[in-house]
Amino acid sequence: MRLKEAAGWNQTLADWQALLRCAPLGCFGMESDEKVVATATAVVHEDVGWVGMVLTDPLYRGRGFATALMKCCLDYLDSCVETVKLDASAEGESLYRKLGFVEEAVIERWACPGVEQAALVTGSYAGPLRHADIPLDAVAECVGAWAAGRAGSGAWYFGPCYGLDSASVELVARALLAGRGRAYWDLFPSHAAAAVAGRLGFAPARRLLRMVRGTPAPTTPDVYAISGFEWG
């Protein structure tokens, strides 16, 4: 949590605990001076591996800790899957390219000060759900969409969200987000999700680069919100 807070990220203790529970063999840390000074996590979603939480204490940067931990993650994931992905900040992009990652798509974090209008949703989502055992505080669904969310240290997090059409996604998003206050939504700006988020008052706040290593595996179009930069 100390490293996360130094980076200004949104994860909570529950997020760390969920990552450790989901991938006990894929979470790595580097210790120096009797404290953890760098981390990286690797989880598997069916046939795709995901790298997240690549953090280094500002006082220990430039010593190769992130590179060493990335190699640990890749050794672990390469034994499980043929595709590995991550969402790269501008600072980390050069390191990931050296490790064999290439650009897949732009992904953005959109932020909203709050959604006031709620919606009534009923029915069970007819499509598939594809995500690991992430912590979820609330779920809303209808026949055409399914969405979940959880508390964050700085904002409520909307995602994952799957949808068969934009109108259904807007319904479940309003039902889930109403009264939550400040919220984040991670999406692909070229996707229909951007228009839905815009109607709810969200706007781009941060841009990252989704990168892939190994066999290409584009994100399916039913994904209107990812599960977070740490989960994919």
C-alpha atoms as a PDB file:
ATOM      1  CA  MET A   1       0.000   0.000   0.000  1.00  0.00           C
ATOM      2  CA  ARG A   2       2.923   2.347   0.680  1.00  0.00           C
ATOM      3  CA  LEU A   3       4.175   1.915  -2.899  1.00  0.00           C
ATOM      4  CA  LYS A   4       0.670   2.286  -4.305  1.00  0.00           C
ATOM      5  CA  GLU A   5       0.057   5.484  -2.384  1.00  0.00           C
ATOM      6  CA  ALA A   6       3.385   6.939  -3.511  1.00  0.00           C
ATOM      7  CA  ALA A   7       2.266   6.383  -7.112  1.00  0.00           C
ATOM      8  CA  GLY A   8      -1.165   7.906  -6.484  1.00  0.00           C
ATOM      9  CA  TRP A   9      -3.036   4.811  -7.657  1.00  0.00           C
ATOM     10  CA  ASN A  10      -6.610   3.865  -6.714  1.00  0.00           C
ATOM     11  CA  GLN A  11      -6.225   0.318  -5.343  1.00  0.00           C
ATOM     12  CA  THR A  12      -7.216  -0.673  -1.810  1.00  0.00           C
ATOM     13  CA  LEU A  13      -5.958  -3.314   0.582  1.00  0.00           C
ATOM     14  CA  ALA A  14      -8.789  -5.558  -0.670  1.00  0.00           C
ATOM     15  CA  ASP A  15      -7.360  -5.320  -4.207  1.00  0.00           C
ATOM     16  CA  TRP A  16      -3.923  -6.467  -3.034  1.00  0.00           C
ATOM     17  CA  GLN A  17      -5.474  -9.317  -1.063  1.00  0.00           C
ATOM     18  CA  ALA A  18      -7.542 -10.403  -4.069  1.00  0.00           C
ATOM     19  CA  LEU A  19      -4.471 -10.474  -6.312  1.00  0.00           C
ATOM     20  CA  LEU A  20      -2.576 -12.582  -3.783  1.00  0.00           C
ATOM     21  CA  ARG A  21      -5.544 -14.918  -3.418  1.00  0.00           C
ATOM     22  CA  CYS A  22      -6.119 -15.214  -7.174  1.00  0.00           C
ATOM     23  CA  ALA A  23      -2.473 -15.716  -8.151  1.00  0.00           C
ATOM     24  CA  PRO A  24      -0.373 -16.757  -5.134  1.00  0.00           C
ATOM     25  CA  LEU A  25       2.447 -17.956  -7.428  1.00  0.00           C
ATOM     26  CA  GLY A  26       2.298 -14.898  -9.705  1.00  0.00           C
ATOM     27  CA  CYS A  27       2.755 -12.042  -7.221  1.00  0.00           C
ATOM     28  CA  PHE A  28       6.353 -10.920  -6.782  1.00  0.00           C
ATOM     29  CA  GLY A  29       8.132  -8.389  -4.592  1.00  0.00           C
ATOM     30  CA  MET A  30      11.678  -7.117  -4.160  1.00  0.00           C
ATOM     31  CA  GLU A  31      13.036  -6.353  -0.697  1.00  0.00           C
ATOM     32  CA  SER A  32      15.836  -3.997   0.231  1.00  0.00           C
ATOM     33  CA  ASP A  33      16.759  -2.524   3.599  1.00  0.00           C
ATOM     34  CA  GLU A  34      14.209  -4.841   5.231  1.00  0.00           C
ATOM     35  CA  LYS A  35      11.213  -3.465   3.330  1.00  0.00           C
ATOM     36  CA  VAL A  36       9.373  -4.168   0.082  1.00  0.00           C
ATOM     37  CA  VAL A  37      10.596  -1.660  -2.499  1.00  0.00           C
ATOM     38  CA  ALA A  38       9.130  -3.048  -5.754  1.00  0.00           C
ATOM     39  CA  THR A  39       6.224  -5.229  -6.856  1.00  0.00           C
ATOM     40  CA  ALA A  40       4.669  -6.854  -9.918  1.00  0.00           C
ATOM     41  CA  THR A  41       1.707  -9.210 -10.263  1.00  0.00           C
ATOM     42  CA  ALA A  42       0.711 -11.786 -12.867  1.00  0.00           C
ATOM     43  CA  VAL A  43      -2.748 -13.344 -13.151  1.00  0.00           C
ATOM     44  CA  VAL A  44      -4.297 -15.661 -15.737  1.00  0.00           C
ATOM     45  CA  HIS A  45      -7.708 -15.049 -17.347  1.00  0.00           C
ATOM     46  CA  GLU A  46      -8.515 -18.288 -19.177  1.00  0.00           C
ATOM     47  CA  ASP A  47      -5.889 -18.228 -21.976  1.00  0.00           C
ATOM     48  CA  VAL A  48      -4.484 -14.706 -21.423  1.00  0.00           C
ATOM     49  CA  GLY A  49      -1.914 -13.666 -18.822  1.00  0.00           C
ATOM     50  CA  TRP A  50      -2.025 -10.200 -17.302  1.00  0.00           C
ATOM     51  CA  VAL A  51       0.767  -8.166 -15.669  1.00  0.00           C
ATOM     52  CA  GLY A  52      -0.102  -5.393 -13.234  1.00  0.00           C
ATOM     53  CA  MET A  53       0.959  -3.492 -10.119  1.00  0.00           C
ATOM     54  CA  VAL A  54       4.462  -2.814 -11.453  1.00  0.00           C
ATOM     55  CA  LEU A  55       5.610  -0.412  -8.742  1.00  0.00           C
ATOM     56  CA  THR A  56       8.979   0.744  -7.455  1.00  0.00           C
ATOM     57  CA  ASP A  57       9.694   2.941  -4.453  1.00  0.00           C
ATOM     58  CA  PRO A  58      10.878   6.322  -5.849  1.00  0.00           C
ATOM     59  CA  LEU A  59      14.064   6.081  -3.754  1.00  0.00           C
ATOM     60  CA  TYR A  60      14.981   2.741  -5.347  1.00  0.00           C
ATOM     61  CA  ARG A  61      14.308   3.422  -9.008  1.00  0.00           C
ATOM     62  CA  GLY A  62      17.008   2.941 -11.610  1.00  0.00           C
ATOM     63  CA  ARG A  63      18.389  -0.244 -10.002  1.00  0.00           C
ATOM     64  CA  GLY A  64      16.697  -2.736 -12.346  1.00  0.00           C
ATOM     65  CA  PHE A  65      14.114  -3.937  -9.822  1.00  0.00           C
ATOM     66  CA  ALA A  66      11.156  -3.512 -12.204  1.00  0.00           C
ATOM     67  CA  THR A  67      12.997  -5.361 -14.974  1.00  0.00           C
ATOM     68  CA  ALA A  68      13.841  -8.248 -12.649  1.00  0.00           C
ATOM     69  CA  LEU A  69      10.262  -8.552 -11.413  1.00  0.00           C
ATOM     70  CA  MET A  70       8.859  -8.331 -14.945  1.00  0.00           C
ATOM     71  CA  LYS A  71      11.064 -11.251 -15.931  1.00  0.00           C
ATOM     72  CA  CYS A  72       9.693 -13.212 -12.961  1.00  0.00           C
ATOM     73  CA  CYS A  73       6.156 -12.478 -14.123  1.00  0.00           C
ATOM     74  CA  LEU A  74       6.919 -13.476 -17.697  1.00  0.00           C
ATOM     75  CA  ASP A  75       8.640 -16.708 -16.666  1.00  0.00           C
ATOM     76  CA  TYR A  76       5.528 -17.582 -14.662  1.00  0.00           C
ATOM     77  CA  LEU A  77       3.038 -16.622 -17.380  1.00  0.00           C
ATOM     78  CA  ASP A  78       4.973 -18.150 -20.277  1.00  0.00           C
ATOM     79  CA  SER A  79       4.579 -21.528 -18.561  1.00  0.00           C
ATOM     80  CA  CYS A  80       0.785 -21.067 -18.525  1.00  0.00           C
ATOM     81  CA  VAL A  81      -0.332 -19.101 -21.596  1.00  0.00           C
ATOM     82  CA  GLU A  82       0.764 -17.960 -25.059  1.00  0.00           C
ATOM     83  CA  THR A  83      -0.564 -14.394 -24.705  1.00  0.00           C
ATOM     84  CA  VAL A  84       0.493 -11.809 -22.110  1.00  0.00           C
ATOM     85  CA  LYS A  85      -0.926  -8.296 -21.864  1.00  0.00           C
ATOM     86  CA  LEU A  86      -0.580  -5.153 -19.774  1.00  0.00           C
ATOM     87  CA  ASP A  87      -1.622  -1.500 -19.784  1.00  0.00           C
ATOM     88  CA  ALA A  88       1.514   0.622 -19.963  1.00  0.00           C
ATOM     89  CA  SER A  89       2.084   4.135 -18.720  1.00  0.00           C
ATOM     90  CA  ALA A  90       4.372   6.358 -20.757  1.00  0.00           C
ATOM     91  CA  GLU A  91       7.116   5.795 -18.159  1.00  0.00           C
ATOM     92  CA  GLY A  92       6.979   2.010 -18.468  1.00  0.00           C
ATOM     93  CA  GLU A  93       6.478   1.654 -22.204  1.00  0.00           C
ATOM     94  CA  SER A  94      10.176   1.503 -23.149  1.00  0.00           C
ATOM     95  CA  LEU A  95      10.850  -1.280 -20.619  1.00  0.00           C
ATOM     96  CA  TYR A  96       7.957  -3.351 -21.918  1.00  0.00           C
ATOM     97  CA  ARG A  97       9.086  -2.965 -25.526  1.00  0.00           C
ATOM     98  CA  LYS A  98      12.527  -4.296 -24.547  1.00  0.00           C
ATOM     99  CA  LEU A  99      10.785  -7.348 -23.104  1.00  0.00           C
ATOM    100  CA  GLY A 100       8.956  -8.108 -26.336  1.00  0.00           C
ATOM    101  CA  PHE A 101       5.651  -6.256 -25.910  1.00  0.00           C
ATOM    102  CA  VAL A 102       4.080  -4.429 -28.860  1.00  0.00           C
ATOM    103  CA  GLU A 103       1.199  -1.955 -29.083  1.00  0.00           C
ATOM    104  CA  GLU A 104      -2.340  -3.334 -29.260  1.00  0.00           C
ATOM    105  CA  ALA A 105      -4.612  -0.351 -28.569  1.00  0.00           C
ATOM    106  CA  VAL A 106      -4.963   2.920 -26.701  1.00  0.00           C
ATOM    107  CA  ILE A 107      -6.891   2.632 -23.448  1.00  0.00           C
ATOM    108  CA  GLU A 108      -8.076   5.516 -21.295  1.00  0.00           C
ATOM    109  CA  ARG A 109      -9.221   6.140 -17.754  1.00  0.00           C
ATOM    110  CA  TRP A 110     -12.300   8.353 -17.725  1.00  0.00           C
ATOM    111  CA  ALA A 111     -13.414  10.163 -14.561  1.00  0.00           C
ATOM    112  CA  CYS A 112     -16.763  11.526 -13.420  1.00  0.00           C
ATOM    113  CA  PRO A 113     -17.620  13.697 -10.395  1.00  0.00           C
ATOM    114  CA  GLY A 114     -20.795  11.700  -9.824  1.00  0.00           C
ATOM    115  CA  VAL A 115     -23.899  10.221 -11.450  1.00  0.00           C
ATOM    116  CA  GLU A 116     -27.176  11.263  -9.854  1.00  0.00           C
ATOM    117  CA  GLN A 117     -29.788   9.634 -12.084  1.00  0.00           C
ATOM    118  CA  ALA A 118     -30.497   6.003 -11.215  1.00  0.00           C
ATOM    119  CA  ALA A 119     -32.160   3.395 -13.411  1.00  0.00           C
ATOM    120  CA  LEU A 120     -34.258   0.329 -12.643  1.00  0.00           C
ATOM    121  CA  VAL A 121     -32.817  -2.833 -14.158  1.00  0.00           C
ATOM    122  CA  THR A 122     -34.233  -6.366 -14.136  1.00  0.00           C
ATOM    123  CA  GLY A 123     -33.368  -9.672 -15.741  1.00  0.00           C
ATOM    124  CA  SER A 124     -30.219 -11.779 -16.041  1.00  0.00           C
ATOM    125  CA  TYR A 125     -27.451 -11.020 -18.512  1.00  0.00           C
ATOM    126  CA  ALA A 126     -27.547 -13.340 -21.494  1.00  0.00           C
ATOM    127  CA  GLY A 127     -23.873 -13.100 -22.434  1.00  0.00           C
ATOM    128  CA  PRO A 128     -20.660 -14.629 -21.016  1.00  0.00           C
ATOM    129  CA  LEU A 129     -18.618 -13.213 -18.129  1.00  0.00           C
ATOM    130  CA  ARG A 130     -14.838 -13.450 -18.457  1.00  0.00           C
ATOM    131  CA  HIS A 131     -12.849 -12.176 -15.500  1.00  0.00           C
ATOM    132  CA  ALA A 132     -10.902 -13.499 -12.546  1.00  0.00           C
ATOM    133  CA  ASP A 133     -12.095 -13.508  -8.945  1.00  0.00           C
ATOM    134  CA  ILE A 134     -11.769  -9.767  -8.435  1.00  0.00           C
ATOM    135  CA  PRO A 135     -13.312  -7.976  -5.430  1.00  0.00           C
ATOM    136  CA  LEU A 136     -16.794  -6.643  -6.229  1.00  0.00           C
ATOM    137  CA  ASP A 137     -18.878  -4.381  -4.007  1.00  0.00           C
ATOM    138  CA  ALA A 138     -21.963  -4.174  -6.232  1.00  0.00           C
ATOM    139  CA  VAL A 139     -23.431  -5.719  -9.393  1.00  0.00           C
ATOM    140  CA  ALA A 140     -26.212  -4.597 -11.743  1.00  0.00           C
ATOM    141  CA  GLU A 141     -27.508  -6.530 -14.731  1.00  0.00           C
ATOM    142  CA  CYS A 142     -30.241  -6.852 -17.302  1.00  0.00           C
ATOM    143  CA  VAL A 143     -30.690  -9.118 -20.325  1.00  0.00           C
ATOM    144  CA  GLY A 144     -28.397  -6.932 -22.428  1.00  0.00           C
ATOM    145  CA  ALA A 145     -25.643  -5.945 -19.986  1.00  0.00           C
ATOM    146  CA  TRP A 146     -23.786  -6.829 -16.774  1.00  0.00           C
ATOM    147  CA  ALA A 147     -21.697  -4.423 -14.700  1.00  0.00           C
ATOM    148  CA  ALA A 148     -19.872  -4.460 -11.394  1.00  0.00           C
ATOM    149  CA  GLY A 149     -17.859  -2.055  -9.312  1.00  0.00           C
ATOM    150  CA  ARG A 150     -15.900  -1.613  -6.135  1.00  0.00           C
ATOM    151  CA  ALA A 151     -14.600   1.043  -3.812  1.00  0.00           C
ATOM    152  CA  GLY A 152     -11.225   2.636  -4.497  1.00  0.00           C
ATOM    153  CA  SER A 153      -8.928   4.761  -2.382  1.00  0.00           C
ATOM    154  CA  GLY A 154      -9.640   7.857  -4.484  1.00  0.00           C
ATOM    155  CA  ALA A 155     -12.754   7.048  -6.514  1.00  0.00           C
ATOM    156  CA  TRP A 156     -15.353   4.345  -6.951  1.00  0.00           C
ATOM    157  CA  TYR A 157     -14.325   1.990  -9.770  1.00  0.00           C
ATOM    158  CA  PHE A 158     -16.792   0.997 -12.508  1.00  0.00           C
ATOM    159  CA  GLY A 159     -15.911  -2.327 -14.112  1.00  0.00           C
ATOM    160  CA  PRO A 160     -15.872  -4.886 -15.419  1.00  0.00           C
ATOM    161  CA  CYS A 161     -18.841  -4.313 -17.683  1.00  0.00           C
ATOM    162  CA  TYR A 162     -20.067  -6.538 -20.523  1.00  0.00           C
ATOM    163  CA  GLY A 163     -22.825  -5.583 -22.924  1.00  0.00           C
ATOM    164  CA  LEU A 164     -24.723  -6.720 -25.978  1.00  0.00           C
ATOM    165  CA  ASP A 165     -25.807  -3.146 -26.798  1.00  0.00           C
ATOM    166  CA  SER A 166     -25.042   0.402 -25.636  1.00  0.00           C
ATOM    167  CA  ALA A 167     -28.541   1.176 -24.377  1.00  0.00           C
ATOM    168  CA  SER A 168     -28.426  -1.760 -21.951  1.00  0.00           C
ATOM    169  CA  VAL A 169     -24.961  -0.756 -20.771  1.00  0.00           C
ATOM    170  CA  GLU A 170     -26.165   2.773 -20.039  1.00  0.00           C
ATOM    171  CA  LEU A 171     -29.024   1.369 -17.953  1.00  0.00           C
ATOM    172  CA  VAL A 172     -26.819  -0.818 -15.764  1.00  0.00           C
ATOM    173  CA  ALA A 173     -24.178   1.910 -15.492  1.00  0.00           C
ATOM    174  CA  ARG A 174     -26.724   4.436 -14.208  1.00  0.00           C
ATOM    175  CA  ALA A 175     -28.131   1.878 -11.779  1.00  0.00           C
ATOM    176  CA  LEU A 176     -24.689   1.047 -10.432  1.00  0.00           C
ATOM    177  CA  LEU A 177     -23.113   4.515 -10.353  1.00  0.00           C
ATOM    178  CA  ALA A 178     -25.940   6.651  -8.970  1.00  0.00           C
ATOM    179  CA  GLY A 179     -24.954   8.168  -5.643  1.00  0.00           C
ATOM    180  CA  ARG A 180     -21.408   6.735  -5.639  1.00  0.00           C
ATOM    181  CA  GLY A 181     -19.672  10.086  -6.015  1.00  0.00           C
ATOM    182  CA  ARG A 182     -16.425  10.361  -7.956  1.00  0.00           C
ATOM    183  CA  ALA A 183     -15.880   7.358 -10.239  1.00  0.00           C
ATOM    184  CA  TYR A 184     -13.383   5.902 -12.734  1.00  0.00           C
ATOM    185  CA  TRP A 185     -14.152   3.940 -15.894  1.00  0.00           C
ATOM    186  CA  ASP A 186     -11.328   2.350 -17.930  1.00  0.00           C
ATOM    187  CA  LEU A 187     -12.300   1.947 -21.579  1.00  0.00           C
ATOM    188  CA  PHE A 188     -11.113   1.943 -25.177  1.00  0.00           C
ATOM    189  CA  PRO A 189     -11.817   5.414 -26.654  1.00  0.00           C
ATOM    190  CA  SER A 190     -12.590   3.908 -30.082  1.00  0.00           C
ATOM    191  CA  HIS A 191     -15.310   1.688 -28.544  1.00  0.00           C
ATOM    192  CA  ALA A 192     -19.016   2.506 -28.141  1.00  0.00           C
ATOM    193  CA  ALA A 193     -18.330   2.639 -24.384  1.00  0.00           C
ATOM    194  CA  ALA A 194     -16.871   6.127 -24.809  1.00  0.00           C
ATOM    195  CA  ALA A 195     -20.194   7.540 -25.991  1.00  0.00           C
ATOM    196  CA  VAL A 196     -22.030   5.899 -23.088  1.00  0.00           C
ATOM    197  CA  ALA A 197     -19.517   7.212 -20.556  1.00  0.00           C
ATOM    198  CA  GLY A 198     -19.751  10.682 -22.064  1.00  0.00           C
ATOM    199  CA  ARG A 199     -23.529  10.746 -21.644  1.00  0.00           C
ATOM    200  CA  LEU A 200     -23.073   9.925 -17.962  1.00  0.00           C
ATOM    201  CA  GLY A 201     -20.673  12.820 -17.430  1.00  0.00           C
ATOM    202  CA  PHE A 202     -17.338  11.001 -17.715  1.00  0.00           C
ATOM    203  CA  ALA A 203     -14.355  12.575 -19.479  1.00  0.00           C
ATOM    204  CA  PRO A 204     -10.834  11.333 -20.310  1.00  0.00           C
ATOM    205  CA  ALA A 205      -8.380  11.743 -17.434  1.00  0.00           C
ATOM    206  CA  ARG A 206      -5.450   9.468 -18.264  1.00  0.00           C
ATOM    207  CA  ARG A 207      -4.176   7.644 -21.364  1.00  0.00           C
ATOM    208  CA  LEU A 208      -2.237   4.381 -21.391  1.00  0.00           C
ATOM    209  CA  LEU A 209      -1.153   1.911 -24.045  1.00  0.00           C
ATOM    210  CA  ARG A 210      -2.416  -1.656 -24.052  1.00  0.00           C
ATOM    211  CA  MET A 211       0.472  -3.897 -25.069  1.00  0.00           C
ATOM    212  CA  VAL A 212       0.697  -7.587 -25.909  1.00  0.00           C
ATOM    213  CA  ARG A 213       3.451 -10.182 -25.999  1.00  0.00           C
ATOM    214  CA  GLY A 214       3.048 -13.480 -27.845  1.00  0.00           C
ATOM    215  CA  THR A 215      -0.083 -14.580 -29.688  1.00  0.00           C
ATOM    216  CA  PRO A 216      -2.436 -11.664 -30.486  1.00  0.00           C
ATOM    217  CA  ALA A 217      -5.800 -11.812 -28.676  1.00  0.00           C
ATOM    218  CA  PRO A 218      -7.859  -8.647 -29.283  1.00  0.00           C
ATOM    219  CA  THR A 219     -10.384  -7.661 -26.616  1.00  0.00           C
ATOM    220  CA  THR A 220     -13.890  -8.814 -27.531  1.00  0.00           C
ATOM    221  CA  PRO A 221     -16.399  -6.051 -28.416  1.00  0.00           C
ATOM    222  CA  ASP A 222     -18.748  -6.923 -25.536  1.00  0.00           C
ATOM    223  CA  VAL A 223     -16.217  -5.472 -23.043  1.00  0.00           C
ATOM    224  CA  TYR A 224     -17.466  -1.964 -22.236  1.00  0.00           C
ATOM    225  CA  ALA A 225     -15.266  -1.542 -19.151  1.00  0.00           C
ATOM    226  CA  ILE A 226     -12.179  -3.480 -18.112  1.00  0.00           C
ATOM    227  CA  SER A 227     -11.575  -4.739 -14.584  1.00  0.00           C
ATOM    228  CA  GLY A 228      -8.812  -2.238 -13.833  1.00  0.00           C
ATOM    229  CA  PHE A 229      -5.238  -1.691 -14.952  1.00  0.00           C
ATOM    230  CA  GLU A 230      -4.116  -4.266 -12.384  1.00  0.00           C
ATOM    231  CA  TRP A 231      -6.559  -6.935 -13.670  1.00  0.00           C
ATOM    232  CA  GLY A 232      -7.062  -6.223 -17.372  1.00  0.00           C
END
